mmCIF file of all heavy atoms, coordinates in Angstrom:
data_MODEL
# 
_entry.id   MODEL 
# 
loop_
_atom_site.group_PDB 
_atom_site.id 
_atom_site.type_symbol 
_atom_site.label_atom_id 
_atom_site.label_alt_id 
_atom_site.label_comp_id 
_atom_site.label_asym_id 
_atom_site.label_entity_id 
_atom_site.label_seq_id 
_atom_site.pdbx_PDB_ins_code 
_atom_site.Cartn_x 
_atom_site.Cartn_y 
_atom_site.Cartn_z 
_atom_site.occupancy 
_atom_site.B_iso_or_equiv 
_atom_site.pdbx_formal_charge 
_atom_site.auth_seq_id 
_atom_site.auth_comp_id 
_atom_site.auth_asym_id 
_atom_site.auth_atom_id 
_atom_site.pdbx_PDB_model_num 
ATOM 1   N N   . THR A 1 1  ? 0.832  -1.197  0.000   1.00 0.00 ? 1  THR A N   1 
ATOM 2   C CA  . THR A 1 1  ? 0.000  0.000   0.000   1.00 0.00 ? 1  THR A CA  1 
ATOM 3   C C   . THR A 1 1  ? 0.873  1.255   0.000   1.00 0.00 ? 1  THR A C   1 
ATOM 4   O O   . THR A 1 1  ? 1.740  1.421   0.865   1.00 0.00 ? 1  THR A O   1 
ATOM 5   C CB  . THR A 1 1  ? -0.935 0.014   1.221   1.00 0.00 ? 1  THR A CB  1 
ATOM 6   O OG1 . THR A 1 1  ? -1.728 -1.172  1.212   1.00 0.00 ? 1  THR A OG1 1 
ATOM 7   C CG2 . THR A 1 1  ? -1.848 1.239   1.179   1.00 0.00 ? 1  THR A CG2 1 
ATOM 8   N N   . MET A 1 2  ? 0.620  2.131   -0.952  1.00 0.00 ? 2  MET A N   1 
ATOM 9   C CA  . MET A 1 2  ? 1.329  3.403   -1.039  1.00 0.00 ? 2  MET A CA  1 
ATOM 10  C C   . MET A 1 2  ? 0.673  4.432   -0.112  1.00 0.00 ? 2  MET A C   1 
ATOM 11  O O   . MET A 1 2  ? -0.421 4.223   0.408   1.00 0.00 ? 2  MET A O   1 
ATOM 12  C CB  . MET A 1 2  ? 1.328  3.928   -2.482  1.00 0.00 ? 2  MET A CB  1 
ATOM 13  C CG  . MET A 1 2  ? 1.977  2.977   -3.486  1.00 0.00 ? 2  MET A CG  1 
ATOM 14  S SD  . MET A 1 2  ? 3.765  2.748   -3.252  1.00 0.00 ? 2  MET A SD  1 
ATOM 15  C CE  . MET A 1 2  ? 3.821  1.123   -2.465  1.00 0.00 ? 2  MET A CE  1 
ATOM 16  N N   . ARG A 1 3  ? 1.303  5.552   0.059   1.00 0.00 ? 3  ARG A N   1 
ATOM 17  C CA  . ARG A 1 3  ? 0.820  6.562   1.007   1.00 0.00 ? 3  ARG A CA  1 
ATOM 18  C C   . ARG A 1 3  ? -0.548 7.128   0.641   1.00 0.00 ? 3  ARG A C   1 
ATOM 19  O O   . ARG A 1 3  ? -1.258 7.658   1.518   1.00 0.00 ? 3  ARG A O   1 
ATOM 20  C CB  . ARG A 1 3  ? 1.841  7.693   1.142   1.00 0.00 ? 3  ARG A CB  1 
ATOM 21  C CG  . ARG A 1 3  ? 2.103  8.499   -0.116  1.00 0.00 ? 3  ARG A CG  1 
ATOM 22  C CD  . ARG A 1 3  ? 3.283  9.420   0.063   1.00 0.00 ? 3  ARG A CD  1 
ATOM 23  N NE  . ARG A 1 3  ? 4.531  8.678   0.305   1.00 0.00 ? 3  ARG A NE  1 
ATOM 24  C CZ  . ARG A 1 3  ? 5.687  9.245   0.576   1.00 0.00 ? 3  ARG A CZ  1 
ATOM 25  N NH1 . ARG A 1 3  ? 5.776  10.568  0.630   1.00 0.00 ? 3  ARG A NH1 1 
ATOM 26  N NH2 . ARG A 1 3  ? 6.773  8.513   0.769   1.00 0.00 ? 3  ARG A NH2 1 
ATOM 27  N N   . ASP A 1 4  ? -0.956 7.004   -0.622  1.00 0.00 ? 4  ASP A N   1 
ATOM 28  C CA  . ASP A 1 4  ? -2.287 7.483   -1.009  1.00 0.00 ? 4  ASP A CA  1 
ATOM 29  C C   . ASP A 1 4  ? -3.315 6.361   -1.051  1.00 0.00 ? 4  ASP A C   1 
ATOM 30  O O   . ASP A 1 4  ? -4.453 6.573   -1.476  1.00 0.00 ? 4  ASP A O   1 
ATOM 31  C CB  . ASP A 1 4  ? -2.230 8.192   -2.358  1.00 0.00 ? 4  ASP A CB  1 
ATOM 32  C CG  . ASP A 1 4  ? -1.874 7.258   -3.501  1.00 0.00 ? 4  ASP A CG  1 
ATOM 33  O OD1 . ASP A 1 4  ? -1.357 6.145   -3.230  1.00 0.00 ? 4  ASP A OD1 1 
ATOM 34  O OD2 . ASP A 1 4  ? -2.101 7.629   -4.665  1.00 0.00 ? 4  ASP A OD2 1 
ATOM 35  N N   . GLY A 1 5  ? -2.914 5.162   -0.655  1.00 0.00 ? 5  GLY A N   1 
ATOM 36  C CA  . GLY A 1 5  ? -3.848 4.037   -0.596  1.00 0.00 ? 5  GLY A CA  1 
ATOM 37  C C   . GLY A 1 5  ? -3.777 3.082   -1.768  1.00 0.00 ? 5  GLY A C   1 
ATOM 38  O O   . GLY A 1 5  ? -4.331 1.973   -1.702  1.00 0.00 ? 5  GLY A O   1 
ATOM 39  N N   . ALA A 1 6  ? -3.127 3.461   -2.864  1.00 0.00 ? 6  ALA A N   1 
ATOM 40  C CA  . ALA A 1 6  ? -3.008 2.569   -4.024  1.00 0.00 ? 6  ALA A CA  1 
ATOM 41  C C   . ALA A 1 6  ? -2.138 1.366   -3.668  1.00 0.00 ? 6  ALA A C   1 
ATOM 42  O O   . ALA A 1 6  ? -1.134 1.491   -2.961  1.00 0.00 ? 6  ALA A O   1 
ATOM 43  C CB  . ALA A 1 6  ? -2.410 3.324   -5.208  1.00 0.00 ? 6  ALA A CB  1 
ATOM 44  N N   . LYS A 1 7  ? -2.535 0.197   -4.165  1.00 0.00 ? 7  LYS A N   1 
ATOM 45  C CA  . LYS A 1 7  ? -1.814 -1.032  -3.881  1.00 0.00 ? 7  LYS A CA  1 
ATOM 46  C C   . LYS A 1 7  ? -1.040 -1.476  -5.130  1.00 0.00 ? 7  LYS A C   1 
ATOM 47  O O   . LYS A 1 7  ? -1.628 -1.618  -6.208  1.00 0.00 ? 7  LYS A O   1 
ATOM 48  C CB  . LYS A 1 7  ? -2.783 -2.128  -3.436  1.00 0.00 ? 7  LYS A CB  1 
ATOM 49  C CG  . LYS A 1 7  ? -3.457 -1.850  -2.091  1.00 0.00 ? 7  LYS A CG  1 
ATOM 50  C CD  . LYS A 1 7  ? -4.415 -2.964  -1.716  1.00 0.00 ? 7  LYS A CD  1 
ATOM 51  C CE  . LYS A 1 7  ? -4.941 -2.792  -0.298  1.00 0.00 ? 7  LYS A CE  1 
ATOM 52  N NZ  . LYS A 1 7  ? -5.699 -1.525  -0.141  1.00 0.00 ? 7  LYS A NZ  1 
ATOM 53  N N   . LEU A 1 8  ? 0.273  -1.695  -4.936  1.00 0.00 ? 8  LEU A N   1 
ATOM 54  C CA  . LEU A 1 8  ? 1.136  -2.087  -6.045  1.00 0.00 ? 8  LEU A CA  1 
ATOM 55  C C   . LEU A 1 8  ? 1.540  -3.549  -5.901  1.00 0.00 ? 8  LEU A C   1 
ATOM 56  O O   . LEU A 1 8  ? 2.060  -3.965  -4.846  1.00 0.00 ? 8  LEU A O   1 
ATOM 57  C CB  . LEU A 1 8  ? 2.375  -1.196  -6.104  1.00 0.00 ? 8  LEU A CB  1 
ATOM 58  C CG  . LEU A 1 8  ? 2.135  0.320   -6.204  1.00 0.00 ? 8  LEU A CG  1 
ATOM 59  C CD1 . LEU A 1 8  ? 3.444  1.046   -6.518  1.00 0.00 ? 8  LEU A CD1 1 
ATOM 60  C CD2 . LEU A 1 8  ? 1.076  0.654   -7.238  1.00 0.00 ? 8  LEU A CD2 1 
ATOM 61  N N   . HIS A 1 9  ? 1.306  -4.291  -6.966  1.00 0.00 ? 9  HIS A N   1 
ATOM 62  C CA  . HIS A 1 9  ? 1.603  -5.726  -6.954  1.00 0.00 ? 9  HIS A CA  1 
ATOM 63  C C   . HIS A 1 9  ? 3.112  -5.947  -6.946  1.00 0.00 ? 9  HIS A C   1 
ATOM 64  O O   . HIS A 1 9  ? 3.845  -5.390  -7.763  1.00 0.00 ? 9  HIS A O   1 
ATOM 65  C CB  . HIS A 1 9  ? 0.998  -6.392  -8.184  1.00 0.00 ? 9  HIS A CB  1 
ATOM 66  C CG  . HIS A 1 9  ? 1.243  -7.872  -8.235  1.00 0.00 ? 9  HIS A CG  1 
ATOM 67  N ND1 . HIS A 1 9  ? 0.382  -8.789  -7.677  1.00 0.00 ? 9  HIS A ND1 1 
ATOM 68  C CD2 . HIS A 1 9  ? 2.262  -8.591  -8.769  1.00 0.00 ? 9  HIS A CD2 1 
ATOM 69  C CE1 . HIS A 1 9  ? 0.857  -10.001 -7.857  1.00 0.00 ? 9  HIS A CE1 1 
ATOM 70  N NE2 . HIS A 1 9  ? 2.000  -9.917  -8.522  1.00 0.00 ? 9  HIS A NE2 1 
ATOM 71  N N   . THR A 1 10 ? 3.573  -6.789  -6.027  1.00 0.00 ? 10 THR A N   1 
ATOM 72  C CA  . THR A 1 10 ? 4.998  -6.998  -5.819  1.00 0.00 ? 10 THR A CA  1 
ATOM 73  C C   . THR A 1 10 ? 5.283  -8.483  -5.664  1.00 0.00 ? 10 THR A C   1 
ATOM 74  O O   . THR A 1 10 ? 4.577  -9.188  -4.925  1.00 0.00 ? 10 THR A O   1 
ATOM 75  C CB  . THR A 1 10 ? 5.468  -6.246  -4.557  1.00 0.00 ? 10 THR A CB  1 
ATOM 76  O OG1 . THR A 1 10 ? 5.037  -4.878  -4.645  1.00 0.00 ? 10 THR A OG1 1 
ATOM 77  C CG2 . THR A 1 10 ? 6.970  -6.306  -4.416  1.00 0.00 ? 10 THR A CG2 1 
ATOM 78  N N   . THR A 1 11 ? 6.299  -8.964  -6.372  1.00 0.00 ? 11 THR A N   1 
ATOM 79  C CA  . THR A 1 11 ? 6.694  -10.369 -6.320  1.00 0.00 ? 11 THR A CA  1 
ATOM 80  C C   . THR A 1 11 ? 8.050  -10.477 -5.633  1.00 0.00 ? 11 THR A C   1 
ATOM 81  O O   . THR A 1 11 ? 9.008  -9.800  -6.030  1.00 0.00 ? 11 THR A O   1 
ATOM 82  C CB  . THR A 1 11 ? 6.778  -10.974 -7.729  1.00 0.00 ? 11 THR A CB  1 
ATOM 83  O OG1 . THR A 1 11 ? 5.493  -10.870 -8.358  1.00 0.00 ? 11 THR A OG1 1 
ATOM 84  C CG2 . THR A 1 11 ? 7.196  -12.434 -7.666  1.00 0.00 ? 11 THR A CG2 1 
ATOM 85  N N   . ILE A 1 12 ? 8.133  -11.339 -4.632  1.00 0.00 ? 12 ILE A N   1 
ATOM 86  C CA  . ILE A 1 12 ? 9.347  -11.467 -3.814  1.00 0.00 ? 12 ILE A CA  1 
ATOM 87  C C   . ILE A 1 12 ? 9.908  -12.876 -3.947  1.00 0.00 ? 12 ILE A C   1 
ATOM 88  O O   . ILE A 1 12 ? 9.222  -13.859 -3.629  1.00 0.00 ? 12 ILE A O   1 
ATOM 89  C CB  . ILE A 1 12 ? 9.051  -11.174 -2.335  1.00 0.00 ? 12 ILE A CB  1 
ATOM 90  C CG1 . ILE A 1 12 ? 8.443  -9.767  -2.183  1.00 0.00 ? 12 ILE A CG1 1 
ATOM 91  C CG2 . ILE A 1 12 ? 10.315 -11.320 -1.489  1.00 0.00 ? 12 ILE A CG2 1 
ATOM 92  C CD1 . ILE A 1 12 ? 7.838  -9.520  -0.812  1.00 0.00 ? 12 ILE A CD1 1 
ATOM 93  N N   . TYR A 1 13 ? 11.135 -12.975 -4.424  1.00 0.00 ? 13 TYR A N   1 
ATOM 94  C CA  . TYR A 1 13 ? 11.864 -14.244 -4.446  1.00 0.00 ? 13 TYR A CA  1 
ATOM 95  C C   . TYR A 1 13 ? 12.917 -14.188 -3.335  1.00 0.00 ? 13 TYR A C   1 
ATOM 96  O O   . TYR A 1 13 ? 13.803 -13.318 -3.362  1.00 0.00 ? 13 TYR A O   1 
ATOM 97  C CB  . TYR A 1 13 ? 12.554 -14.459 -5.783  1.00 0.00 ? 13 TYR A CB  1 
ATOM 98  C CG  . TYR A 1 13 ? 11.615 -14.673 -6.961  1.00 0.00 ? 13 TYR A CG  1 
ATOM 99  C CD1 . TYR A 1 13 ? 11.173 -13.587 -7.722  1.00 0.00 ? 13 TYR A CD1 1 
ATOM 100 C CD2 . TYR A 1 13 ? 11.193 -15.941 -7.321  1.00 0.00 ? 13 TYR A CD2 1 
ATOM 101 C CE1 . TYR A 1 13 ? 10.327 -13.765 -8.801  1.00 0.00 ? 13 TYR A CE1 1 
ATOM 102 C CE2 . TYR A 1 13 ? 10.344 -16.142 -8.406  1.00 0.00 ? 13 TYR A CE2 1 
ATOM 103 C CZ  . TYR A 1 13 ? 9.912  -15.050 -9.145  1.00 0.00 ? 13 TYR A CZ  1 
ATOM 104 O OH  . TYR A 1 13 ? 9.077  -15.243 -10.221 1.00 0.00 ? 13 TYR A OH  1 
ATOM 105 N N   . ALA A 1 14 ? 12.825 -15.099 -2.372  1.00 0.00 ? 14 ALA A N   1 
ATOM 106 C CA  . ALA A 1 14 ? 13.755 -15.105 -1.246  1.00 0.00 ? 14 ALA A CA  1 
ATOM 107 C C   . ALA A 1 14 ? 14.491 -16.438 -1.188  1.00 0.00 ? 14 ALA A C   1 
ATOM 108 O O   . ALA A 1 14 ? 13.881 -17.499 -1.416  1.00 0.00 ? 14 ALA A O   1 
ATOM 109 C CB  . ALA A 1 14 ? 13.011 -14.870 0.060   1.00 0.00 ? 14 ALA A CB  1 
ATOM 110 N N   . PRO A 1 15 ? 15.802 -16.435 -0.902  1.00 0.00 ? 15 PRO A N   1 
ATOM 111 C CA  . PRO A 1 15 ? 16.551 -17.690 -0.815  1.00 0.00 ? 15 PRO A CA  1 
ATOM 112 C C   . PRO A 1 15 ? 15.940 -18.634 0.228   1.00 0.00 ? 15 PRO A C   1 
ATOM 113 O O   . PRO A 1 15 ? 15.538 -18.211 1.319   1.00 0.00 ? 15 PRO A O   1 
ATOM 114 C CB  . PRO A 1 15 ? 17.947 -17.235 -0.394  1.00 0.00 ? 15 PRO A CB  1 
ATOM 115 C CG  . PRO A 1 15 ? 18.063 -15.822 -0.878  1.00 0.00 ? 15 PRO A CG  1 
ATOM 116 C CD  . PRO A 1 15 ? 16.685 -15.264 -0.707  1.00 0.00 ? 15 PRO A CD  1 
ATOM 117 N N   . ARG A 1 16 ? 15.876 -19.924 -0.125  1.00 0.00 ? 16 ARG A N   1 
ATOM 118 C CA  . ARG A 1 16 ? 15.358 -20.917 0.818   1.00 0.00 ? 16 ARG A CA  1 
ATOM 119 C C   . ARG A 1 16 ? 16.294 -21.078 2.010   1.00 0.00 ? 16 ARG A C   1 
ATOM 120 O O   . ARG A 1 16 ? 15.859 -21.429 3.110   1.00 0.00 ? 16 ARG A O   1 
ATOM 121 C CB  . ARG A 1 16 ? 15.157 -22.251 0.097   1.00 0.00 ? 16 ARG A CB  1 
ATOM 122 C CG  . ARG A 1 16 ? 14.025 -22.216 -0.931  1.00 0.00 ? 16 ARG A CG  1 
ATOM 123 C CD  . ARG A 1 16 ? 13.750 -23.592 -1.507  1.00 0.00 ? 16 ARG A CD  1 
ATOM 124 N NE  . ARG A 1 16 ? 12.719 -23.537 -2.532  1.00 0.00 ? 16 ARG A NE  1 
ATOM 125 C CZ  . ARG A 1 16 ? 11.393 -23.584 -2.288  1.00 0.00 ? 16 ARG A CZ  1 
ATOM 126 N NH1 . ARG A 1 16 ? 10.964 -23.675 -1.028  1.00 0.00 ? 16 ARG A NH1 1 
ATOM 127 N NH2 . ARG A 1 16 ? 10.530 -23.533 -3.280  1.00 0.00 ? 16 ARG A NH2 1 
ATOM 128 N N   . ASP A 1 17 ? 17.582 -20.847 1.787   1.00 0.00 ? 17 ASP A N   1 
ATOM 129 C CA  . ASP A 1 17 ? 18.551 -20.913 2.873   1.00 0.00 ? 17 ASP A CA  1 
ATOM 130 C C   . ASP A 1 17 ? 18.377 -19.685 3.766   1.00 0.00 ? 17 ASP A C   1 
ATOM 131 O O   . ASP A 1 17 ? 18.777 -18.574 3.411   1.00 0.00 ? 17 ASP A O   1 
ATOM 132 C CB  . ASP A 1 17 ? 19.968 -20.958 2.301   1.00 0.00 ? 17 ASP A CB  1 
ATOM 133 C CG  . ASP A 1 17 ? 21.039 -20.964 3.381   1.00 0.00 ? 17 ASP A CG  1 
ATOM 134 O OD1 . ASP A 1 17 ? 20.681 -21.065 4.582   1.00 0.00 ? 17 ASP A OD1 1 
ATOM 135 O OD2 . ASP A 1 17 ? 22.228 -20.854 3.030   1.00 0.00 ? 17 ASP A OD2 1 
ATOM 136 N N   . ALA A 1 18 ? 17.785 -19.894 4.909   1.00 0.00 ? 18 ALA A N   1 
ATOM 137 C CA  . ALA A 1 18 ? 17.482 -18.778 5.818   1.00 0.00 ? 18 ALA A CA  1 
ATOM 138 C C   . ALA A 1 18 ? 18.514 -18.637 6.923   1.00 0.00 ? 18 ALA A C   1 
ATOM 139 O O   . ALA A 1 18 ? 18.247 -17.996 7.951   1.00 0.00 ? 18 ALA A O   1 
ATOM 140 C CB  . ALA A 1 18 ? 16.093 -18.973 6.418   1.00 0.00 ? 18 ALA A CB  1 
ATOM 141 N N   . SER A 1 19 ? 19.697 -19.190 6.706   1.00 0.00 ? 19 SER A N   1 
ATOM 142 C CA  . SER A 1 19 ? 20.723 -19.164 7.754   1.00 0.00 ? 19 SER A CA  1 
ATOM 143 C C   . SER A 1 19 ? 21.499 -17.861 7.790   1.00 0.00 ? 19 SER A C   1 
ATOM 144 O O   . SER A 1 19 ? 22.328 -17.652 8.675   1.00 0.00 ? 19 SER A O   1 
ATOM 145 C CB  . SER A 1 19 ? 21.700 -20.326 7.558   1.00 0.00 ? 19 SER A CB  1 
ATOM 146 O OG  . SER A 1 19 ? 22.401 -20.182 6.324   1.00 0.00 ? 19 SER A OG  1 
ATOM 147 N N   . GLN A 1 20 ? 21.247 -16.976 6.821   1.00 0.00 ? 20 GLN A N   1 
ATOM 148 C CA  . GLN A 1 20 ? 21.969 -15.703 6.767   1.00 0.00 ? 20 GLN A CA  1 
ATOM 149 C C   . GLN A 1 20 ? 21.040 -14.607 6.264   1.00 0.00 ? 20 GLN A C   1 
ATOM 150 O O   . GLN A 1 20 ? 19.944 -14.883 5.751   1.00 0.00 ? 20 GLN A O   1 
ATOM 151 C CB  . GLN A 1 20 ? 23.186 -15.826 5.851   1.00 0.00 ? 20 GLN A CB  1 
ATOM 152 C CG  . GLN A 1 20 ? 22.855 -16.219 4.417   1.00 0.00 ? 20 GLN A CG  1 
ATOM 153 C CD  . GLN A 1 20 ? 24.077 -16.301 3.529   1.00 0.00 ? 20 GLN A CD  1 
ATOM 154 O OE1 . GLN A 1 20 ? 24.784 -15.312 3.358   1.00 0.00 ? 20 GLN A OE1 1 
ATOM 155 N NE2 . GLN A 1 20 ? 24.341 -17.485 2.986   1.00 0.00 ? 20 GLN A NE2 1 
ATOM 156 N N   . ALA A 1 21 ? 21.495 -13.386 6.407   1.00 0.00 ? 21 ALA A N   1 
ATOM 157 C CA  . ALA A 1 21 ? 20.719 -12.235 5.916   1.00 0.00 ? 21 ALA A CA  1 
ATOM 158 C C   . ALA A 1 21 ? 21.198 -11.853 4.514   1.00 0.00 ? 21 ALA A C   1 
ATOM 159 O O   . ALA A 1 21 ? 22.380 -11.961 4.192   1.00 0.00 ? 21 ALA A O   1 
ATOM 160 C CB  . ALA A 1 21 ? 20.874 -11.056 6.866   1.00 0.00 ? 21 ALA A CB  1 
ATOM 161 N N   . TYR A 1 22 ? 20.258 -11.405 3.694   1.00 0.00 ? 22 TYR A N   1 
ATOM 162 C CA  . TYR A 1 22 ? 20.556 -11.076 2.310   1.00 0.00 ? 22 TYR A CA  1 
ATOM 163 C C   . TYR A 1 22 ? 20.114 -9.655  1.991   1.00 0.00 ? 22 TYR A C   1 
ATOM 164 O O   . TYR A 1 22 ? 19.124 -9.149  2.542   1.00 0.00 ? 22 TYR A O   1 
ATOM 165 C CB  . TYR A 1 22 ? 19.809 -12.016 1.361   1.00 0.00 ? 22 TYR A CB  1 
ATOM 166 C CG  . TYR A 1 22 ? 20.126 -13.476 1.537   1.00 0.00 ? 22 TYR A CG  1 
ATOM 167 C CD1 . TYR A 1 22 ? 19.356 -14.272 2.387   1.00 0.00 ? 22 TYR A CD1 1 
ATOM 168 C CD2 . TYR A 1 22 ? 21.179 -14.070 0.853   1.00 0.00 ? 22 TYR A CD2 1 
ATOM 169 C CE1 . TYR A 1 22 ? 19.623 -15.624 2.547   1.00 0.00 ? 22 TYR A CE1 1 
ATOM 170 C CE2 . TYR A 1 22 ? 21.460 -15.426 1.003   1.00 0.00 ? 22 TYR A CE2 1 
ATOM 171 C CZ  . TYR A 1 22 ? 20.677 -16.196 1.846   1.00 0.00 ? 22 TYR A CZ  1 
ATOM 172 O OH  . TYR A 1 22 ? 20.953 -17.528 2.004   1.00 0.00 ? 22 TYR A OH  1 
ATOM 173 N N   . PRO A 1 23 ? 20.804 -9.003  1.053   1.00 0.00 ? 23 PRO A N   1 
ATOM 174 C CA  . PRO A 1 23 ? 20.311 -7.709  0.569   1.00 0.00 ? 23 PRO A CA  1 
ATOM 175 C C   . PRO A 1 23 ? 19.129 -7.911  -0.365  1.00 0.00 ? 23 PRO A C   1 
ATOM 176 O O   . PRO A 1 23 ? 18.863 -9.023  -0.833  1.00 0.00 ? 23 PRO A O   1 
ATOM 177 C CB  . PRO A 1 23 ? 21.518 -7.134  -0.177  1.00 0.00 ? 23 PRO A CB  1 
ATOM 178 C CG  . PRO A 1 23 ? 22.306 -8.326  -0.607  1.00 0.00 ? 23 PRO A CG  1 
ATOM 179 C CD  . PRO A 1 23 ? 22.095 -9.376  0.456   1.00 0.00 ? 23 PRO A CD  1 
ATOM 180 N N   . ILE A 1 24 ? 18.452 -6.819  -0.640  1.00 0.00 ? 24 ILE A N   1 
ATOM 181 C CA  . ILE A 1 24 ? 17.292 -6.832  -1.531  1.00 0.00 ? 24 ILE A CA  1 
ATOM 182 C C   . ILE A 1 24 ? 17.679 -6.160  -2.847  1.00 0.00 ? 24 ILE A C   1 
ATOM 183 O O   . ILE A 1 24 ? 18.231 -5.058  -2.849  1.00 0.00 ? 24 ILE A O   1 
ATOM 184 C CB  . ILE A 1 24 ? 16.103 -6.088  -0.890  1.00 0.00 ? 24 ILE A CB  1 
ATOM 185 C CG1 . ILE A 1 24 ? 15.665 -6.796  0.394   1.00 0.00 ? 24 ILE A CG1 1 
ATOM 186 C CG2 . ILE A 1 24 ? 14.939 -5.974  -1.873  1.00 0.00 ? 24 ILE A CG2 1 
ATOM 187 C CD1 . ILE A 1 24 ? 14.678 -5.979  1.234   1.00 0.00 ? 24 ILE A CD1 1 
ATOM 188 N N   . LEU A 1 25 ? 17.374 -6.815  -3.943  1.00 0.00 ? 25 LEU A N   1 
ATOM 189 C CA  . LEU A 1 25 ? 17.549 -6.226  -5.274  1.00 0.00 ? 25 LEU A CA  1 
ATOM 190 C C   . LEU A 1 25 ? 16.170 -6.025  -5.873  1.00 0.00 ? 25 LEU A C   1 
ATOM 191 O O   . LEU A 1 25 ? 15.407 -6.989  -6.061  1.00 0.00 ? 25 LEU A O   1 
ATOM 192 C CB  . LEU A 1 25 ? 18.392 -7.136  -6.170  1.00 0.00 ? 25 LEU A CB  1 
ATOM 193 C CG  . LEU A 1 25 ? 19.901 -7.091  -5.915  1.00 0.00 ? 25 LEU A CG  1 
ATOM 194 C CD1 . LEU A 1 25 ? 20.607 -8.261  -6.594  1.00 0.00 ? 25 LEU A CD1 1 
ATOM 195 C CD2 . LEU A 1 25 ? 20.475 -5.766  -6.420  1.00 0.00 ? 25 LEU A CD2 1 
ATOM 196 N N   . LEU A 1 26 ? 15.833 -4.775  -6.161  1.00 0.00 ? 26 LEU A N   1 
ATOM 197 C CA  . LEU A 1 26 ? 14.481 -4.382  -6.562  1.00 0.00 ? 26 LEU A CA  1 
ATOM 198 C C   . LEU A 1 26 ? 14.465 -3.870  -7.993  1.00 0.00 ? 26 LEU A C   1 
ATOM 199 O O   . LEU A 1 26 ? 15.280 -3.024  -8.364  1.00 0.00 ? 26 LEU A O   1 
ATOM 200 C CB  . LEU A 1 26 ? 13.953 -3.297  -5.621  1.00 0.00 ? 26 LEU A CB  1 
ATOM 201 C CG  . LEU A 1 26 ? 12.681 -2.544  -6.039  1.00 0.00 ? 26 LEU A CG  1 
ATOM 202 C CD1 . LEU A 1 26 ? 11.468 -3.475  -6.058  1.00 0.00 ? 26 LEU A CD1 1 
ATOM 203 C CD2 . LEU A 1 26 ? 12.435 -1.354  -5.099  1.00 0.00 ? 26 LEU A CD2 1 
ATOM 204 N N   . GLN A 1 27 ? 13.512 -4.383  -8.773  1.00 0.00 ? 27 GLN A N   1 
ATOM 205 C CA  . GLN A 1 27 ? 13.249 -3.821  -10.101 1.00 0.00 ? 27 GLN A CA  1 
ATOM 206 C C   . GLN A 1 27 ? 11.774 -3.447  -10.181 1.00 0.00 ? 27 GLN A C   1 
ATOM 207 O O   . GLN A 1 27 ? 10.891 -4.283  -9.974  1.00 0.00 ? 27 GLN A O   1 
ATOM 208 C CB  . GLN A 1 27 ? 13.565 -4.813  -11.218 1.00 0.00 ? 27 GLN A CB  1 
ATOM 209 C CG  . GLN A 1 27 ? 13.280 -4.229  -12.600 1.00 0.00 ? 27 GLN A CG  1 
ATOM 210 C CD  . GLN A 1 27 ? 13.605 -5.197  -13.735 1.00 0.00 ? 27 GLN A CD  1 
ATOM 211 O OE1 . GLN A 1 27 ? 12.705 -5.731  -14.377 1.00 0.00 ? 27 GLN A OE1 1 
ATOM 212 N NE2 . GLN A 1 27 ? 14.877 -5.414  -13.985 1.00 0.00 ? 27 GLN A NE2 1 
ATOM 213 N N   . ARG A 1 28 ? 11.529 -2.181  -10.504 1.00 0.00 ? 28 ARG A N   1 
ATOM 214 C CA  . ARG A 1 28 ? 10.163 -1.701  -10.746 1.00 0.00 ? 28 ARG A CA  1 
ATOM 215 C C   . ARG A 1 28 ? 9.979  -1.591  -12.247 1.00 0.00 ? 28 ARG A C   1 
ATOM 216 O O   . ARG A 1 28 ? 10.810 -1.010  -12.945 1.00 0.00 ? 28 ARG A O   1 
ATOM 217 C CB  . ARG A 1 28 ? 9.924  -0.356  -10.055 1.00 0.00 ? 28 ARG A CB  1 
ATOM 218 C CG  . ARG A 1 28 ? 10.220 -0.399  -8.556  1.00 0.00 ? 28 ARG A CG  1 
ATOM 219 C CD  . ARG A 1 28 ? 9.862  0.915   -7.865  1.00 0.00 ? 28 ARG A CD  1 
ATOM 220 N NE  . ARG A 1 28 ? 8.430  1.160   -7.905  1.00 0.00 ? 28 ARG A NE  1 
ATOM 221 C CZ  . ARG A 1 28 ? 7.842  2.189   -8.518  1.00 0.00 ? 28 ARG A CZ  1 
ATOM 222 N NH1 . ARG A 1 28 ? 8.588  3.083   -9.162  1.00 0.00 ? 28 ARG A NH1 1 
ATOM 223 N NH2 . ARG A 1 28 ? 6.541  2.330   -8.517  1.00 0.00 ? 28 ARG A NH2 1 
ATOM 224 N N   . THR A 1 29 ? 8.876  -2.128  -12.757 1.00 0.00 ? 29 THR A N   1 
ATOM 225 C CA  . THR A 1 29 ? 8.751  -2.266  -14.203 1.00 0.00 ? 29 THR A CA  1 
ATOM 226 C C   . THR A 1 29 ? 7.321  -2.024  -14.687 1.00 0.00 ? 29 THR A C   1 
ATOM 227 O O   . THR A 1 29 ? 6.361  -2.372  -13.989 1.00 0.00 ? 29 THR A O   1 
ATOM 228 C CB  . THR A 1 29 ? 9.193  -3.674  -14.641 1.00 0.00 ? 29 THR A CB  1 
ATOM 229 O OG1 . THR A 1 29 ? 9.000  -3.838  -16.054 1.00 0.00 ? 29 THR A OG1 1 
ATOM 230 C CG2 . THR A 1 29 ? 8.416  -4.773  -13.913 1.00 0.00 ? 29 THR A CG2 1 
# 
């Protein structure tokens, strides 16, 4: 949800290995 209420569809791929922390790489398209 954006600050004006609009909802933006977002797809998240996260490593199955949860033993460490990862950075986020974002592409808006």
